Amino acid sequence: MPPVPVPAEIRPADVDDAAGIAAVYRPYVTDSVASFETVPPDAAEFARRMTAEPRLPWFVACRDGGVVGYAYGGQHRSRAAYRWSVDCSVYLSAAERGAGTGRALYGRLLPVLRDLGYVTAFAGIALPNPASAGLHTALGFTPVGVYRSVGFKAGRWHDVGWWQLPLQELPAEPAEPRAWSPR
């Protein structure tokens, strides 16, 4: 029987983690269509994204002092009426896939998003991606639609599926979402 993997340490990310986050993300840009970016962001760009307003949570998974995965919340859309909705993403190093690290990262991220006052979380997944679709479905996200042929990368057009997760009951008069602090 293979040994049971030791869970990664999950903690709030800060700008000191930006280089490790960039290293985890790079293959998603250069070697896959999971990200529609075409140039891998560097540590400075990730630090900028992590501290952009409105400040949203970022969490990292670490092993032996190194970042092996991360999850974060991002602004869903810029218009004011969308401010209670949030996009979320998770990225893992190749060795962490299937080890429960994505689930653990979302296990920290999603309750924080709810506690900050967000009402609904969304996840966009370049298709096909059965592992990501399976993770999101297992966590309670439901598919809500597909943008057909929305991105061109690696010589062809790609669809993006959207999944939705209610974080709380719809409030009649929602309070303003609060900013996150990694401390």
N, C-alpha and C. Protein backbone atom coordinates (compact mmCIF):
# COMPACT_ATOMS: atom_id res chain seq x y z
N MET A 1 0.84 -1.17 0.00
CA MET A 1 0.00 0.00 0.00
C MET A 1 0.89 1.25 0.00
N PRO A 2 0.58 2.28 -0.85
CA PRO A 2 1.40 3.49 -0.84
C PRO A 2 1.20 4.26 0.45
N PRO A 3 2.23 4.99 0.88
CA PRO A 3 2.07 5.76 2.11
C PRO A 3 1.03 6.86 1.94
N VAL A 4 0.34 7.17 3.02
CA VAL A 4 -0.64 8.25 3.02
C VAL A 4 0.13 9.57 3.02
N PRO A 5 -0.16 10.46 2.05
CA PRO A 5 0.59 11.71 2.01
C PRO A 5 0.30 12.59 3.22
N VAL A 6 1.32 13.24 3.69
CA VAL A 6 1.17 14.20 4.79
C VAL A 6 0.51 15.45 4.21
N PRO A 7 -0.54 15.95 4.84
CA PRO A 7 -1.18 17.15 4.30
C PRO A 7 -0.21 18.32 4.25
N ALA A 8 -0.36 19.13 3.22
CA ALA A 8 0.44 20.33 3.11
C ALA A 8 -0.02 21.33 4.18
N GLU A 9 0.88 22.19 4.60
CA GLU A 9 0.52 23.29 5.50
C GLU A 9 -0.24 24.33 4.67
N ILE A 10 -1.40 24.74 5.12
CA ILE A 10 -2.19 25.77 4.45
C ILE A 10 -2.17 27.00 5.34
N ARG A 11 -1.79 28.13 4.75
CA ARG A 11 -1.73 29.37 5.53
C ARG A 11 -2.04 30.56 4.63
N PRO A 12 -2.38 31.71 5.24
CA PRO A 12 -2.58 32.91 4.43
C PRO A 12 -1.29 33.27 3.69
N ALA A 13 -1.45 33.68 2.45
CA ALA A 13 -0.29 34.08 1.64
C ALA A 13 0.00 35.57 1.87
N ASP A 14 1.26 35.92 1.68
CA ASP A 14 1.63 37.33 1.65
C ASP A 14 2.60 37.54 0.51
N VAL A 15 3.03 38.78 0.31
CA VAL A 15 3.85 39.08 -0.86
C VAL A 15 5.18 38.32 -0.85
N ASP A 16 5.64 37.87 0.29
CA ASP A 16 6.86 37.05 0.33
C ASP A 16 6.67 35.71 -0.38
N ASP A 17 5.43 35.29 -0.58
CA ASP A 17 5.13 34.04 -1.27
C ASP A 17 5.00 34.21 -2.77
N ALA A 18 5.10 35.44 -3.27
CA ALA A 18 4.81 35.72 -4.68
C ALA A 18 5.70 34.93 -5.64
N ALA A 19 6.97 34.76 -5.32
CA ALA A 19 7.86 34.01 -6.22
C ALA A 19 7.47 32.54 -6.27
N GLY A 20 7.10 31.95 -5.14
CA GLY A 20 6.65 30.57 -5.12
C GLY A 20 5.33 30.39 -5.85
N ILE A 21 4.43 31.34 -5.71
CA ILE A 21 3.16 31.30 -6.43
C ILE A 21 3.43 31.38 -7.94
N ALA A 22 4.32 32.28 -8.34
CA ALA A 22 4.65 32.42 -9.76
C ALA A 22 5.22 31.11 -10.32
N ALA A 23 6.03 30.43 -9.53
CA ALA A 23 6.62 29.16 -9.98
C ALA A 23 5.56 28.08 -10.15
N VAL A 24 4.58 28.01 -9.25
CA VAL A 24 3.50 27.03 -9.37
C VAL A 24 2.66 27.33 -10.61
N TYR A 25 2.40 28.60 -10.86
CA TYR A 25 1.50 29.01 -11.95
C TYR A 25 2.14 28.91 -13.34
N ARG A 26 3.44 29.12 -13.42
CA ARG A 26 4.13 29.18 -14.72
C ARG A 26 3.75 28.04 -15.67
N PRO A 27 3.76 26.77 -15.26
CA PRO A 27 3.42 25.70 -16.21
C PRO A 27 1.98 25.76 -16.73
N TYR A 28 1.08 26.35 -15.95
CA TYR A 28 -0.30 26.49 -16.41
C TYR A 28 -0.37 27.46 -17.59
N VAL A 29 0.55 28.41 -17.63
CA VAL A 29 0.60 29.38 -18.72
C VAL A 29 1.37 28.82 -19.91
N THR A 30 2.54 28.23 -19.65
CA THR A 30 3.43 27.81 -20.74
C THR A 30 3.11 26.45 -21.33
N ASP A 31 2.52 25.55 -20.54
CA ASP A 31 2.38 24.16 -20.98
C ASP A 31 0.94 23.66 -21.05
N SER A 32 -0.03 24.54 -20.85
CA SER A 32 -1.42 24.08 -20.85
C SER A 32 -2.34 25.21 -21.31
N VAL A 33 -3.61 24.89 -21.40
CA VAL A 33 -4.61 25.92 -21.69
C VAL A 33 -5.49 26.17 -20.46
N ALA A 34 -5.08 25.67 -19.30
CA ALA A 34 -5.85 25.90 -18.08
C ALA A 34 -5.90 27.38 -17.74
N SER A 35 -4.87 28.12 -18.11
CA SER A 35 -4.86 29.58 -17.97
C SER A 35 -4.86 30.18 -19.37
N PHE A 36 -5.59 31.24 -19.55
CA PHE A 36 -5.60 31.92 -20.84
C PHE A 36 -4.54 33.02 -20.91
N GLU A 37 -3.72 33.16 -19.87
CA GLU A 37 -2.58 34.06 -19.99
C GLU A 37 -1.58 33.42 -20.94
N THR A 38 -0.80 34.24 -21.64
CA THR A 38 0.19 33.71 -22.57
C THR A 38 1.62 34.02 -22.15
N VAL A 39 1.79 34.92 -21.20
CA VAL A 39 3.10 35.25 -20.66
C VAL A 39 3.02 35.04 -19.15
N PRO A 40 3.88 34.20 -18.58
CA PRO A 40 3.79 33.94 -17.14
C PRO A 40 4.10 35.20 -16.33
N PRO A 41 3.22 35.56 -15.41
CA PRO A 41 3.50 36.71 -14.54
C PRO A 41 4.67 36.41 -13.62
N ASP A 42 5.44 37.44 -13.31
CA ASP A 42 6.56 37.27 -12.39
C ASP A 42 6.11 37.56 -10.95
N ALA A 43 7.04 37.45 -10.02
CA ALA A 43 6.72 37.64 -8.61
C ALA A 43 6.17 39.04 -8.34
N ALA A 44 6.72 40.05 -8.99
CA ALA A 44 6.25 41.42 -8.77
C ALA A 44 4.79 41.57 -9.21
N GLU A 45 4.43 40.94 -10.32
CA GLU A 45 3.04 41.01 -10.78
C GLU A 45 2.13 40.27 -9.82
N PHE A 46 2.57 39.13 -9.30
CA PHE A 46 1.73 38.43 -8.33
C PHE A 46 1.58 39.25 -7.05
N ALA A 47 2.64 39.89 -6.60
CA ALA A 47 2.54 40.74 -5.41
C ALA A 47 1.52 41.85 -5.66
N ARG A 48 1.52 42.43 -6.86
CA ARG A 48 0.55 43.47 -7.19
C ARG A 48 -0.87 42.91 -7.15
N ARG A 49 -1.07 41.75 -7.73
CA ARG A 49 -2.40 41.13 -7.74
C ARG A 49 -2.88 40.81 -6.32
N MET A 50 -1.97 40.35 -5.49
CA MET A 50 -2.33 39.96 -4.13
C MET A 50 -2.77 41.14 -3.29
N THR A 51 -2.27 42.33 -3.60
CA THR A 51 -2.57 43.51 -2.78
C THR A 51 -3.53 44.48 -3.47
N ALA A 52 -4.04 44.12 -4.64
CA ALA A 52 -4.97 44.99 -5.37
C ALA A 52 -6.27 45.16 -4.59
N GLU A 53 -6.90 46.29 -4.78
CA GLU A 53 -8.19 46.57 -4.15
C GLU A 53 -9.32 46.11 -5.07
N PRO A 54 -10.38 45.54 -4.56
CA PRO A 54 -10.57 45.24 -3.16
C PRO A 54 -9.69 44.06 -2.73
N ARG A 55 -9.12 44.15 -1.56
CA ARG A 55 -8.20 43.12 -1.07
C ARG A 55 -8.98 41.86 -0.78
N LEU A 56 -8.61 40.80 -1.48
CA LEU A 56 -9.28 39.50 -1.34
C LEU A 56 -8.27 38.45 -0.86
N PRO A 57 -8.76 37.36 -0.26
CA PRO A 57 -7.84 36.39 0.34
C PRO A 57 -7.07 35.54 -0.66
N TRP A 58 -5.85 35.26 -0.28
CA TRP A 58 -4.96 34.31 -0.97
C TRP A 58 -4.42 33.36 0.10
N PHE A 59 -4.41 32.07 -0.21
CA PHE A 59 -3.85 31.06 0.68
C PHE A 59 -2.82 30.24 -0.10
N VAL A 60 -1.78 29.81 0.60
CA VAL A 60 -0.77 28.94 -0.01
C VAL A 60 -0.72 27.62 0.72
N ALA A 61 -0.36 26.58 -0.03
CA ALA A 61 -0.04 25.27 0.52
C ALA A 61 1.48 25.14 0.45
N CYS A 62 2.08 24.74 1.55
CA CYS A 62 3.55 24.65 1.61
C CYS A 62 3.99 23.28 2.09
N ARG A 63 5.11 22.84 1.54
CA ARG A 63 5.81 21.63 1.99
C ARG A 63 7.29 21.96 2.05
N ASP A 64 7.92 21.58 3.12
CA ASP A 64 9.36 21.80 3.28
C ASP A 64 9.74 23.25 2.99
N GLY A 65 8.89 24.17 3.40
CA GLY A 65 9.17 25.60 3.25
C GLY A 65 8.89 26.18 1.88
N GLY A 66 8.45 25.35 0.92
CA GLY A 66 8.19 25.85 -0.43
C GLY A 66 6.72 25.83 -0.77
N VAL A 67 6.29 26.77 -1.60
CA VAL A 67 4.90 26.84 -2.05
C VAL A 67 4.65 25.73 -3.07
N VAL A 68 3.61 24.93 -2.84
CA VAL A 68 3.25 23.85 -3.75
C VAL A 68 1.84 24.02 -4.32
N GLY A 69 1.16 25.07 -3.90
CA GLY A 69 -0.17 25.35 -4.41
C GLY A 69 -0.69 26.62 -3.80
N TYR A 70 -1.75 27.15 -4.42
CA TYR A 70 -2.38 28.34 -3.87
C TYR A 70 -3.81 28.44 -4.36
N ALA A 71 -4.60 29.18 -3.60
CA ALA A 71 -5.99 29.48 -3.98
C ALA A 71 -6.25 30.92 -3.59
N TYR A 72 -7.13 31.55 -4.37
CA TYR A 72 -7.41 32.96 -4.09
C TYR A 72 -8.80 33.35 -4.56
N GLY A 73 -9.27 34.45 -4.01
CA GLY A 73 -10.50 35.07 -4.47
C GLY A 73 -10.14 36.27 -5.32
N GLY A 74 -10.94 36.51 -6.35
CA GLY A 74 -10.72 37.65 -7.23
C GLY A 74 -12.04 38.33 -7.54
N GLN A 75 -11.96 39.58 -7.88
CA GLN A 75 -13.15 40.35 -8.22
C GLN A 75 -13.89 39.68 -9.38
N HIS A 76 -15.19 39.49 -9.23
CA HIS A 76 -15.96 38.82 -10.28
C HIS A 76 -16.15 39.74 -11.49
N ARG A 77 -16.58 40.92 -11.29
CA ARG A 77 -16.75 41.94 -12.34
C ARG A 77 -16.58 43.30 -11.68
N SER A 78 -16.33 44.32 -12.48
CA SER A 78 -16.03 45.63 -11.91
C SER A 78 -17.26 46.48 -11.58
N ARG A 79 -18.40 46.20 -12.14
CA ARG A 79 -19.58 47.03 -11.87
C ARG A 79 -20.09 46.80 -10.45
N ALA A 80 -20.58 47.86 -9.83
CA ALA A 80 -20.90 47.87 -8.40
C ALA A 80 -21.85 46.77 -7.96
N ALA A 81 -22.86 46.45 -8.74
CA ALA A 81 -23.86 45.47 -8.31
C ALA A 81 -23.30 44.05 -8.20
N TYR A 82 -22.11 43.82 -8.78
CA TYR A 82 -21.48 42.50 -8.69
C TYR A 82 -20.64 42.33 -7.42
N ARG A 83 -20.53 43.34 -6.60
CA ARG A 83 -19.52 43.31 -5.53
C ARG A 83 -19.72 42.22 -4.48
N TRP A 84 -20.85 41.54 -4.45
CA TRP A 84 -21.05 40.44 -3.51
C TRP A 84 -20.71 39.08 -4.12
N SER A 85 -20.30 39.10 -5.37
CA SER A 85 -19.88 37.88 -6.06
C SER A 85 -18.36 37.88 -6.18
N VAL A 86 -17.78 36.71 -6.15
CA VAL A 86 -16.32 36.59 -6.17
C VAL A 86 -15.92 35.40 -7.04
N ASP A 87 -14.85 35.55 -7.80
CA ASP A 87 -14.27 34.43 -8.53
C ASP A 87 -13.23 33.76 -7.64
N CYS A 88 -13.05 32.48 -7.81
CA CYS A 88 -12.01 31.79 -7.05
C CYS A 88 -11.29 30.81 -7.96
N SER A 89 -10.03 30.58 -7.64
CA SER A 89 -9.18 29.68 -8.41
C SER A 89 -8.23 28.95 -7.48
N VAL A 90 -7.81 27.78 -7.94
CA VAL A 90 -6.80 27.01 -7.22
C VAL A 90 -5.81 26.46 -8.24
N TYR A 91 -4.52 26.53 -7.90
CA TYR A 91 -3.45 26.00 -8.75
C TYR A 91 -2.51 25.19 -7.88
N LEU A 92 -2.07 24.06 -8.43
CA LEU A 92 -1.22 23.13 -7.68
C LEU A 92 -0.02 22.73 -8.51
N SER A 93 1.10 22.48 -7.83
CA SER A 93 2.24 21.88 -8.52
C SER A 93 1.84 20.47 -8.95
N ALA A 94 2.52 19.94 -9.94
CA ALA A 94 2.16 18.62 -10.48
C ALA A 94 2.12 17.55 -9.39
N ALA A 95 3.05 17.59 -8.45
CA ALA A 95 3.14 16.57 -7.41
C ALA A 95 1.97 16.63 -6.43
N GLU A 96 1.27 17.76 -6.35
CA GLU A 96 0.17 17.92 -5.39
C GLU A 96 -1.18 17.51 -5.96
N ARG A 97 -1.27 17.35 -7.24
CA ARG A 97 -2.57 17.03 -7.85
C ARG A 97 -3.04 15.66 -7.38
N GLY A 98 -4.27 15.61 -6.93
CA GLY A 98 -4.85 14.36 -6.44
C GLY A 98 -4.50 14.03 -5.00
N ALA A 99 -3.77 14.92 -4.32
CA ALA A 99 -3.35 14.66 -2.94
C ALA A 99 -4.27 15.30 -1.91
N GLY A 100 -5.34 15.95 -2.35
CA GLY A 100 -6.25 16.62 -1.41
C GLY A 100 -5.87 18.05 -1.11
N THR A 101 -4.81 18.54 -1.74
CA THR A 101 -4.33 19.89 -1.45
C THR A 101 -5.29 20.95 -1.99
N GLY A 102 -5.85 20.73 -3.17
CA GLY A 102 -6.82 21.68 -3.70
C GLY A 102 -8.04 21.80 -2.79
N ARG A 103 -8.53 20.67 -2.33
CA ARG A 103 -9.67 20.66 -1.40
C ARG A 103 -9.31 21.39 -0.11
N ALA A 104 -8.09 21.16 0.40
CA ALA A 104 -7.67 21.81 1.64
C ALA A 104 -7.55 23.33 1.45
N LEU A 105 -7.03 23.76 0.31
CA LEU A 105 -6.92 25.19 0.04
C LEU A 105 -8.31 25.84 -0.02
N TYR A 106 -9.22 25.22 -0.76
CA TYR A 106 -10.58 25.75 -0.82
C TYR A 106 -11.27 25.68 0.54
N GLY A 107 -10.91 24.67 1.34
CA GLY A 107 -11.47 24.56 2.68
C GLY A 107 -11.12 25.74 3.56
N ARG A 108 -10.02 26.39 3.29
CA ARG A 108 -9.65 27.62 4.01
C ARG A 108 -10.23 28.85 3.32
N LEU A 109 -10.18 28.89 1.99
CA LEU A 109 -10.59 30.08 1.24
C LEU A 109 -12.09 30.35 1.32
N LEU A 110 -12.91 29.37 1.04
CA LEU A 110 -14.34 29.60 0.89
C LEU A 110 -15.01 30.12 2.17
N PRO A 111 -14.70 29.59 3.36
CA PRO A 111 -15.30 30.17 4.57
C PRO A 111 -14.87 31.62 4.81
N VAL A 112 -13.63 31.95 4.46
CA VAL A 112 -13.17 33.33 4.63
C VAL A 112 -13.95 34.25 3.70
N LEU A 113 -14.15 33.83 2.46
CA LEU A 113 -14.93 34.64 1.52
C LEU A 113 -16.34 34.88 2.07
N ARG A 114 -16.95 33.84 2.60
CA ARG A 114 -18.30 33.98 3.20
C ARG A 114 -18.25 34.96 4.36
N ASP A 115 -17.27 34.80 5.25
CA ASP A 115 -17.18 35.65 6.43
C ASP A 115 -16.90 37.12 6.08
N LEU A 116 -16.29 37.36 4.93
CA LEU A 116 -16.05 38.74 4.48
C LEU A 116 -17.30 39.38 3.90
N GLY A 117 -18.35 38.58 3.69
CA GLY A 117 -19.61 39.12 3.20
C GLY A 117 -19.93 38.79 1.76
N TYR A 118 -19.12 37.93 1.13
CA TYR A 118 -19.43 37.53 -0.24
C TYR A 118 -20.57 36.52 -0.21
N VAL A 119 -21.43 36.58 -1.23
CA VAL A 119 -22.64 35.77 -1.26
C VAL A 119 -22.50 34.57 -2.19
N THR A 120 -21.81 34.75 -3.31
CA THR A 120 -21.69 33.69 -4.31
C THR A 120 -20.28 33.63 -4.85
N ALA A 121 -19.74 32.42 -4.98
CA ALA A 121 -18.42 32.21 -5.58
C ALA A 121 -18.60 31.58 -6.95
N PHE A 122 -17.75 31.98 -7.88
CA PHE A 122 -17.75 31.45 -9.24
C PHE A 122 -16.36 30.92 -9.57
N ALA A 123 -16.33 29.90 -10.41
CA ALA A 123 -15.07 29.35 -10.90
C ALA A 123 -15.19 29.12 -12.40
N GLY A 124 -14.26 29.66 -13.16
CA GLY A 124 -14.20 29.42 -14.59
C GLY A 124 -13.15 28.36 -14.88
N ILE A 125 -13.50 27.36 -15.68
CA ILE A 125 -12.61 26.24 -15.95
C ILE A 125 -12.50 26.03 -17.45
N ALA A 126 -11.28 26.15 -17.99
CA ALA A 126 -11.07 25.85 -19.41
C ALA A 126 -11.38 24.37 -19.62
N LEU A 127 -12.16 24.09 -20.64
CA LEU A 127 -12.63 22.73 -20.90
C LEU A 127 -11.89 22.07 -22.06
N PRO A 128 -11.69 20.77 -21.97
CA PRO A 128 -12.06 19.88 -20.88
C PRO A 128 -11.01 19.91 -19.76
N ASN A 129 -11.46 19.75 -18.55
CA ASN A 129 -10.59 19.65 -17.39
C ASN A 129 -11.34 18.86 -16.32
N PRO A 130 -11.41 17.53 -16.49
CA PRO A 130 -12.21 16.72 -15.56
C PRO A 130 -11.73 16.79 -14.11
N ALA A 131 -10.44 16.98 -13.88
CA ALA A 131 -9.96 17.05 -12.49
C ALA A 131 -10.49 18.30 -11.80
N SER A 132 -10.40 19.45 -12.46
CA SER A 132 -10.89 20.68 -11.86
C SER A 132 -12.41 20.67 -11.74
N ALA A 133 -13.09 20.22 -12.78
CA ALA A 133 -14.55 20.12 -12.72
C ALA A 133 -14.97 19.20 -11.58
N GLY A 134 -14.26 18.09 -11.41
CA GLY A 134 -14.57 17.16 -10.33
C GLY A 134 -14.35 17.75 -8.96
N LEU A 135 -13.25 18.49 -8.78
CA LEU A 135 -12.98 19.13 -7.50
C LEU A 135 -14.09 20.12 -7.17
N HIS A 136 -14.41 20.99 -8.11
CA HIS A 136 -15.42 22.01 -7.84
C HIS A 136 -16.79 21.37 -7.57
N THR A 137 -17.15 20.36 -8.33
CA THR A 137 -18.42 19.68 -8.11
C THR A 137 -18.44 19.01 -6.74
N ALA A 138 -17.34 18.37 -6.35
CA ALA A 138 -17.28 17.71 -5.05
C ALA A 138 -17.42 18.70 -3.90
N LEU A 139 -17.03 19.95 -4.14
CA LEU A 139 -17.13 20.98 -3.10
C LEU A 139 -18.48 21.69 -3.11
N GLY A 140 -19.38 21.28 -3.98
CA GLY A 140 -20.72 21.85 -3.99
C GLY A 140 -21.00 22.87 -5.07
N PHE A 141 -20.00 23.17 -5.89
CA PHE A 141 -20.23 24.07 -7.02
C PHE A 141 -21.14 23.34 -8.03
N THR A 142 -21.98 24.10 -8.71
CA THR A 142 -22.82 23.53 -9.75
C THR A 142 -22.52 24.23 -11.07
N PRO A 143 -22.53 23.48 -12.18
CA PRO A 143 -22.28 24.12 -13.47
C PRO A 143 -23.45 25.03 -13.84
N VAL A 144 -23.11 26.22 -14.36
CA VAL A 144 -24.16 27.18 -14.72
C VAL A 144 -24.10 27.60 -16.18
N GLY A 145 -23.06 27.22 -16.89
CA GLY A 145 -23.01 27.59 -18.30
C GLY A 145 -21.63 27.43 -18.89
N VAL A 146 -21.56 27.57 -20.20
CA VAL A 146 -20.31 27.44 -20.93
C VAL A 146 -20.19 28.59 -21.91
N TYR A 147 -19.06 29.27 -21.87
CA TYR A 147 -18.72 30.24 -22.90
C TYR A 147 -18.03 29.44 -24.00
N ARG A 148 -18.66 29.33 -25.14
CA ARG A 148 -18.13 28.53 -26.24
C ARG A 148 -17.06 29.31 -27.01
N SER A 149 -15.96 28.63 -27.30
CA SER A 149 -14.88 29.19 -28.12
C SER A 149 -14.51 30.61 -27.69
N VAL A 150 -14.32 30.80 -26.41
CA VAL A 150 -14.09 32.14 -25.86
C VAL A 150 -12.62 32.53 -25.83
N GLY A 151 -11.70 31.56 -25.87
CA GLY A 151 -10.27 31.87 -25.83
C GLY A 151 -9.50 31.10 -26.87
N PHE A 152 -8.54 31.77 -27.48
CA PHE A 152 -7.68 31.12 -28.49
C PHE A 152 -6.28 31.00 -27.91
N LYS A 153 -5.82 29.77 -27.76
CA LYS A 153 -4.49 29.50 -27.23
C LYS A 153 -4.03 28.16 -27.77
N ALA A 154 -2.73 28.02 -27.97
CA ALA A 154 -2.13 26.77 -28.44
C ALA A 154 -2.74 26.32 -29.77
N GLY A 155 -3.04 27.30 -30.63
CA GLY A 155 -3.48 27.00 -31.98
C GLY A 155 -4.93 26.63 -32.16
N ARG A 156 -5.75 26.77 -31.10
CA ARG A 156 -7.17 26.45 -31.28
C ARG A 156 -8.03 27.21 -30.28
N TRP A 157 -9.33 27.18 -30.53
CA TRP A 157 -10.32 27.83 -29.67
C TRP A 157 -10.70 26.91 -28.52
N HIS A 158 -10.96 27.52 -27.35
CA HIS A 158 -11.30 26.75 -26.15
C HIS A 158 -12.55 27.30 -25.49
N ASP A 159 -13.33 26.39 -24.92
CA ASP A 159 -14.51 26.74 -24.13
C ASP A 159 -14.10 26.95 -22.68
N VAL A 160 -14.90 27.73 -21.96
CA VAL A 160 -14.75 27.87 -20.52
C VAL A 160 -16.09 27.59 -19.87
N GLY A 161 -16.09 26.61 -18.97
CA GLY A 161 -17.28 26.30 -18.18
C GLY A 161 -17.27 27.13 -16.91
N TRP A 162 -18.46 27.49 -16.45
CA TRP A 162 -18.59 28.27 -15.22
C TRP A 162 -19.36 27.47 -14.19
N TRP A 163 -18.84 27.46 -12.98
CA TRP A 163 -19.44 26.80 -11.83
C TRP A 163 -19.76 27.86 -10.78
N GLN A 164 -20.79 27.62 -10.00
CA GLN A 164 -21.27 28.57 -9.00
C GLN A 164 -21.49 27.87 -7.67
N LEU A 165 -21.15 28.57 -6.59
CA LEU A 165 -21.36 28.05 -5.23
C LEU A 165 -21.96 29.15 -4.36
N PRO A 166 -23.17 28.92 -3.81
CA PRO A 166 -23.68 29.90 -2.85
C PRO A 166 -22.86 29.82 -1.56
N LEU A 167 -22.41 30.96 -1.09
CA LEU A 167 -21.63 31.01 0.15
C LEU A 167 -22.51 31.28 1.36
N GLN A 168 -23.68 31.86 1.11
CA GLN A 168 -24.63 32.16 2.18
C GLN A 168 -26.00 32.38 1.55
N GLU A 169 -27.02 32.42 2.40
CA GLU A 169 -28.36 32.74 1.93
C GLU A 169 -28.35 34.15 1.36
N LEU A 170 -29.20 34.40 0.36
CA LEU A 170 -29.26 35.73 -0.23
C LEU A 170 -29.86 36.72 0.78
N PRO A 171 -29.06 37.69 1.23
CA PRO A 171 -29.60 38.67 2.18
C PRO A 171 -30.49 39.69 1.46
N ALA A 172 -31.55 40.14 2.12
CA ALA A 172 -32.44 41.14 1.53
C ALA A 172 -31.69 42.45 1.32
N GLU A 173 -30.85 42.82 2.25
CA GLU A 173 -30.02 44.03 2.16
C GLU A 173 -28.60 43.65 2.55
N PRO A 174 -27.77 43.29 1.59
CA PRO A 174 -26.43 42.81 1.94
C PRO A 174 -25.53 43.93 2.47
N ALA A 175 -24.75 43.58 3.48
CA ALA A 175 -23.73 44.50 3.99
C ALA A 175 -22.58 44.54 2.99
N GLU A 176 -21.83 45.61 2.99
CA GLU A 176 -20.68 45.71 2.10
C GLU A 176 -19.66 44.62 2.42
N PRO A 177 -19.12 43.95 1.42
CA PRO A 177 -18.03 42.99 1.70
C PRO A 177 -16.85 43.74 2.32
N ARG A 178 -16.18 43.07 3.24
CA ARG A 178 -15.04 43.66 3.92
C ARG A 178 -13.73 43.26 3.24
N ALA A 179 -12.71 44.08 3.40
CA ALA A 179 -11.37 43.77 2.89
C ALA A 179 -10.75 42.67 3.75
N TRP A 180 -9.88 41.90 3.13
CA TRP A 180 -9.17 40.83 3.81
C TRP A 180 -7.79 41.30 4.22
N SER A 181 -7.31 40.79 5.34
CA SER A 181 -5.93 41.01 5.77
C SER A 181 -5.32 39.64 6.04
N PRO A 182 -4.11 39.41 5.53
CA PRO A 182 -3.50 38.08 5.73
C PRO A 182 -3.10 37.80 7.17
N ARG A 183 -3.25 38.72 8.05
CA ARG A 183 -2.85 38.49 9.46
C ARG A 183 -3.99 38.01 10.30
